[in-house]
N, C-alpha and C. Protein backbone atom coordinates (compact mmCIF):
# COMPACT_ATOMS: atom_id res chain seq x y z
N UNK A 1 145.47 22.38 156.14
CA UNK A 1 146.05 23.54 154.96
C UNK A 1 147.45 23.84 155.86
N UNK A 2 147.52 24.28 157.09
CA UNK A 2 148.65 24.50 157.63
C UNK A 2 149.85 23.41 157.91
N UNK A 3 149.38 22.52 158.25
CA UNK A 3 150.18 21.26 158.27
C UNK A 3 150.93 21.05 156.92
N UNK A 4 150.21 20.84 155.50
CA UNK A 4 150.72 20.74 154.32
C UNK A 4 151.48 21.79 154.19
N UNK A 5 151.35 22.87 154.63
CA UNK A 5 152.32 24.20 154.41
C UNK A 5 153.68 24.08 154.95
N UNK A 6 153.69 23.60 156.65
CA UNK A 6 154.60 23.26 157.03
C UNK A 6 155.44 22.17 156.46
N UNK A 7 154.93 21.18 156.02
CA UNK A 7 155.58 20.08 155.30
C UNK A 7 156.26 20.25 154.22
N UNK A 8 155.63 21.07 153.21
CA UNK A 8 156.32 21.51 152.30
C UNK A 8 157.40 22.71 152.31
N UNK A 9 157.24 23.51 153.59
CA UNK A 9 158.51 24.04 153.74
C UNK A 9 159.64 23.39 154.53
N UNK A 10 159.42 22.09 155.12
CA UNK A 10 160.20 21.36 155.37
C UNK A 10 160.88 20.49 154.38
N UNK A 11 159.99 20.20 153.36
CA UNK A 11 160.47 19.52 152.35
C UNK A 11 161.51 20.21 151.37
N UNK A 12 161.06 21.54 151.49
CA UNK A 12 161.79 22.36 150.67
C UNK A 12 163.32 22.49 151.33
N UNK A 13 163.24 22.72 152.58
CA UNK A 13 164.55 22.96 153.31
C UNK A 13 165.32 21.67 153.68
N UNK A 14 164.60 20.71 153.27
CA UNK A 14 165.48 19.54 153.81
C UNK A 14 166.46 18.99 153.13
N UNK A 15 166.63 19.92 151.79
CA UNK A 15 167.91 19.82 151.05
C UNK A 15 169.14 20.67 151.77
N UNK A 16 169.21 20.07 152.96
CA UNK A 16 170.15 20.79 153.83
C UNK A 16 171.54 20.60 153.21
N UNK A 17 171.75 19.52 152.77
CA UNK A 17 173.02 19.19 151.97
C UNK A 17 173.47 20.33 151.22
N UNK A 18 172.47 20.64 150.48
CA UNK A 18 173.03 21.91 149.35
C UNK A 18 173.19 23.31 150.53
N UNK A 19 172.44 23.36 151.40
CA UNK A 19 172.83 24.64 152.37
C UNK A 19 174.05 24.38 152.95
N UNK A 20 174.60 23.32 153.17
CA UNK A 20 176.00 23.14 153.71
C UNK A 20 176.98 23.33 152.79
N UNK A 21 176.45 23.02 151.55
CA UNK A 21 177.65 23.15 150.61
C UNK A 21 177.47 24.60 149.92
N UNK A 22 176.55 25.42 150.31
CA UNK A 22 176.86 26.82 149.83
C UNK A 22 178.06 27.64 150.07
N UNK A 23 178.21 27.84 151.41
CA UNK A 23 179.43 28.62 152.08
C UNK A 23 180.85 28.33 151.30
N UNK A 24 181.02 26.82 151.15
CA UNK A 24 182.12 26.15 150.34
C UNK A 24 182.13 26.66 148.94
N UNK A 25 181.11 26.41 148.40
CA UNK A 25 180.88 26.65 146.57
C UNK A 25 181.25 28.30 146.68
N UNK A 26 180.56 29.18 147.65
CA UNK A 26 180.70 30.43 147.29
C UNK A 26 182.11 31.08 147.56
N UNK A 27 182.63 30.31 148.37
CA UNK A 27 184.22 30.70 148.80
C UNK A 27 184.97 30.42 147.55
N UNK A 28 184.77 28.96 147.31
CA UNK A 28 185.43 28.59 145.79
C UNK A 28 185.39 29.42 144.77
N UNK A 29 184.11 29.96 144.52
CA UNK A 29 183.84 31.15 143.35
C UNK A 29 184.68 32.29 143.51
N UNK A 30 184.60 32.82 144.88
CA UNK A 30 185.58 34.04 145.25
C UNK A 30 186.90 33.82 145.15
N UNK A 31 187.41 32.53 145.22
CA UNK A 31 188.86 32.61 145.22
C UNK A 31 189.06 32.43 143.94
N UNK A 32 188.41 31.89 142.92
CA UNK A 32 188.63 31.75 141.39
C UNK A 32 188.31 33.23 140.54
N UNK A 33 187.58 34.06 141.24
CA UNK A 33 187.00 35.30 140.46
C UNK A 33 188.38 36.43 140.50
N UNK A 34 188.16 37.02 139.28
CA UNK A 34 189.37 38.49 139.44
C UNK A 34 189.02 39.20 140.47
N UNK A 35 189.74 39.87 141.09
CA UNK A 35 189.52 41.26 141.91
C UNK A 35 188.61 42.15 141.42
N UNK A 36 188.81 42.61 139.93
CA UNK A 36 187.76 43.66 139.61
C UNK A 36 186.26 43.15 139.59
N UNK A 37 186.12 41.93 139.43
CA UNK A 37 184.61 41.46 139.64
C UNK A 37 184.17 41.46 140.89
N UNK A 38 185.21 40.87 141.84
CA UNK A 38 184.92 41.11 143.17
C UNK A 38 184.20 42.56 143.71
N UNK A 39 185.31 43.38 143.46
CA UNK A 39 185.15 44.67 143.82
C UNK A 39 183.88 45.42 143.23
N UNK A 40 183.57 44.97 141.94
CA UNK A 40 182.43 45.42 141.33
C UNK A 40 181.13 44.89 142.17
N UNK A 41 180.92 43.69 142.39
CA UNK A 41 179.89 43.29 143.00
C UNK A 41 179.96 43.03 144.29
N UNK A 42 180.75 43.46 145.30
CA UNK A 42 181.03 43.29 146.47
C UNK A 42 179.97 43.45 147.46
N UNK A 43 178.73 44.62 147.15
CA UNK A 43 177.62 44.53 148.07
C UNK A 43 176.72 43.36 147.89
N UNK A 44 176.74 42.95 146.60
CA UNK A 44 175.76 41.89 146.09
C UNK A 44 176.54 40.51 146.86
N UNK A 45 177.78 40.16 146.74
CA UNK A 45 178.49 39.20 147.43
C UNK A 45 178.10 39.26 148.92
N UNK A 46 178.43 40.34 149.56
CA UNK A 46 178.30 40.43 150.88
C UNK A 46 176.79 39.94 151.30
N UNK A 47 175.50 40.30 150.30
CA UNK A 47 174.25 40.16 150.94
C UNK A 47 174.09 38.60 150.71
N UNK A 48 174.89 37.88 149.55
CA UNK A 48 174.45 36.73 149.52
C UNK A 48 175.34 35.85 150.80
N UNK A 49 176.39 36.18 151.08
CA UNK A 49 176.92 35.41 152.21
C UNK A 49 176.00 35.64 153.53
N UNK A 50 175.60 36.80 153.73
CA UNK A 50 174.53 37.12 154.84
C UNK A 50 173.29 36.14 154.79
N UNK A 51 172.55 35.93 153.33
CA UNK A 51 171.56 34.81 153.43
C UNK A 51 172.00 33.59 153.58
N UNK A 52 172.99 33.22 153.20
CA UNK A 52 173.68 31.83 153.38
C UNK A 52 173.78 31.50 154.65
N UNK A 53 174.47 32.57 155.43
CA UNK A 53 174.53 32.27 156.87
C UNK A 53 173.03 32.38 157.58
N UNK A 54 172.12 33.30 157.19
CA UNK A 54 170.91 33.06 157.96
C UNK A 54 170.23 31.74 157.61
N UNK A 55 170.12 31.33 156.48
CA UNK A 55 169.61 29.92 156.15
C UNK A 55 170.27 28.90 156.89
N UNK A 56 171.75 28.86 157.02
CA UNK A 56 172.38 27.81 157.82
C UNK A 56 171.88 27.85 159.26
N UNK A 57 171.71 29.07 159.65
CA UNK A 57 171.20 29.27 161.16
C UNK A 57 169.85 28.79 161.36
N UNK A 58 169.10 28.91 160.57
CA UNK A 58 167.61 28.28 160.51
C UNK A 58 167.25 27.04 160.19
N UNK A 59 168.10 26.41 159.39
CA UNK A 59 167.79 25.32 158.90
C UNK A 59 167.82 24.06 160.06
N UNK A 60 168.67 24.29 160.89
CA UNK A 60 168.65 23.22 162.15
C UNK A 60 167.61 23.60 163.01
N UNK A 61 166.86 24.71 162.94
CA UNK A 61 165.80 25.10 163.72
C UNK A 61 164.44 24.28 163.16
N UNK A 62 164.48 24.53 161.92
CA UNK A 62 163.25 24.09 161.08
C UNK A 62 163.40 22.42 161.15
N UNK A 63 164.60 21.89 161.16
CA UNK A 63 164.71 20.56 161.31
C UNK A 63 164.08 20.10 162.67
N UNK A 64 164.41 20.74 163.67
CA UNK A 64 164.12 20.48 165.12
C UNK A 64 162.71 20.64 165.10
N UNK A 65 161.87 21.77 164.75
CA UNK A 65 160.39 21.88 164.66
C UNK A 65 159.72 20.64 163.84
N UNK A 66 160.34 20.34 162.70
CA UNK A 66 160.00 19.03 161.99
C UNK A 66 159.60 17.99 162.65
N UNK A 67 160.87 17.62 163.33
CA UNK A 67 160.57 16.48 164.44
C UNK A 67 159.80 16.46 165.45
N UNK A 68 159.52 17.95 165.91
CA UNK A 68 158.55 18.06 167.05
C UNK A 68 157.05 17.69 166.34
N UNK A 69 156.77 18.20 165.04
CA UNK A 69 155.64 18.02 164.61
C UNK A 69 155.22 16.60 164.43
N UNK A 70 156.52 15.96 163.83
CA UNK A 70 156.25 14.62 163.59
C UNK A 70 155.96 13.74 164.95
N UNK A 71 156.72 14.11 165.92
CA UNK A 71 156.25 13.55 167.36
C UNK A 71 154.82 13.84 167.77
N UNK A 72 154.48 15.15 167.56
CA UNK A 72 153.11 15.50 167.97
C UNK A 72 151.93 14.59 167.26
N UNK A 73 152.37 14.49 165.57
CA UNK A 73 151.30 13.90 165.07
C UNK A 73 151.45 12.28 165.55
N UNK A 74 152.48 11.77 165.73
CA UNK A 74 152.44 10.20 166.44
C UNK A 74 151.70 10.15 167.75
N UNK A 75 151.86 11.11 168.54
CA UNK A 75 151.04 11.16 170.01
C UNK A 75 149.54 11.28 169.82
N UNK A 76 149.27 12.32 168.98
CA UNK A 76 147.63 12.44 168.62
C UNK A 76 146.99 11.23 168.04
N UNK A 77 147.90 10.61 167.02
CA UNK A 77 147.24 9.36 166.41
C UNK A 77 147.45 8.25 167.28
N UNK A 78 148.15 8.19 168.24
CA UNK A 78 148.14 7.04 169.57
C UNK A 78 147.04 7.51 170.38
N UNK A 79 146.82 8.58 170.44
CA UNK A 79 145.72 9.10 171.37
C UNK A 79 144.47 8.52 170.92
N UNK A 80 144.11 9.10 169.53
CA UNK A 80 142.99 8.81 168.81
C UNK A 80 142.58 7.37 168.60
N UNK A 81 143.84 6.34 168.50
CA UNK A 81 143.57 4.96 168.39
C UNK A 81 143.14 4.32 169.59
N UNK A 82 143.70 4.89 170.84
CA UNK A 82 143.42 4.48 172.32
C UNK A 82 141.73 4.85 172.65
N UNK A 83 141.40 5.99 172.10
CA UNK A 83 140.18 6.52 172.34
C UNK A 83 138.99 5.65 171.52
N UNK A 84 139.47 5.42 170.41
CA UNK A 84 138.47 4.29 169.55
C UNK A 84 138.42 2.98 170.06
N UNK A 85 139.60 2.57 170.49
CA UNK A 85 139.51 1.04 171.04
C UNK A 85 138.51 1.18 172.30
N UNK A 86 138.83 2.08 173.39
CA UNK A 86 138.05 2.39 174.61
C UNK A 86 136.34 2.42 174.20
N UNK A 87 136.23 3.41 173.07
CA UNK A 87 134.83 3.46 172.62
C UNK A 87 134.24 1.93 171.84
N UNK A 88 134.90 1.33 171.43
CA UNK A 88 134.74 -0.01 170.94
C UNK A 88 134.53 -0.63 172.29
N UNK A 89 135.21 -1.07 173.00
CA UNK A 89 135.27 -1.81 174.22
C UNK A 89 133.75 -1.37 175.04
N UNK A 90 133.45 -0.03 175.25
CA UNK A 90 132.39 0.35 176.09
C UNK A 90 131.01 -0.18 175.11
N UNK A 91 131.10 0.16 173.97
CA UNK A 91 129.97 -0.40 173.05
C UNK A 91 129.85 -1.83 173.03
N UNK A 92 130.81 -2.77 173.11
CA UNK A 92 130.74 -3.97 173.30
C UNK A 92 129.98 -4.31 174.68
N UNK A 93 130.81 -3.72 175.83
CA UNK A 93 129.95 -3.97 177.02
C UNK A 93 128.65 -3.75 177.03
N UNK A 94 128.20 -2.33 176.51
CA UNK A 94 126.79 -2.20 176.63
C UNK A 94 126.00 -3.10 175.83
N UNK A 95 126.62 -3.64 174.68
CA UNK A 95 125.74 -4.69 173.86
C UNK A 95 125.44 -6.10 174.58
N UNK A 96 126.76 -6.52 175.50
CA UNK A 96 126.65 -7.63 176.26
C UNK A 96 125.63 -7.68 177.02
N UNK A 97 125.67 -6.38 177.91
CA UNK A 97 124.59 -6.08 178.85
C UNK A 97 123.22 -6.28 178.58
N UNK A 98 122.86 -5.77 177.47
CA UNK A 98 121.75 -5.85 176.70
C UNK A 98 121.11 -7.10 176.40
N UNK A 99 121.96 -8.05 176.28
CA UNK A 99 121.77 -9.41 175.65
C UNK A 99 121.56 -10.13 176.86
């Protein structure tokens, strides 16, 4: 359950190209906006800028965590496979000794 939530979050934020485009798009919108509009919505614009900055700072961390989780899953799979092979080998040896 927890792993699926992590993967969903990573997939949701893996649209990092959108995150990278946000500051440029916001800047372009503000350049084209009339000054009265900017003054009227200054607090909201500031809030959006802060959120974009926060997202950009954390997107790299989330990507790093996702890579680590993938590495750990790979490591766990290889350990399980090795244990399975060792168990099969032991079982085969025991069966050979019984014969």
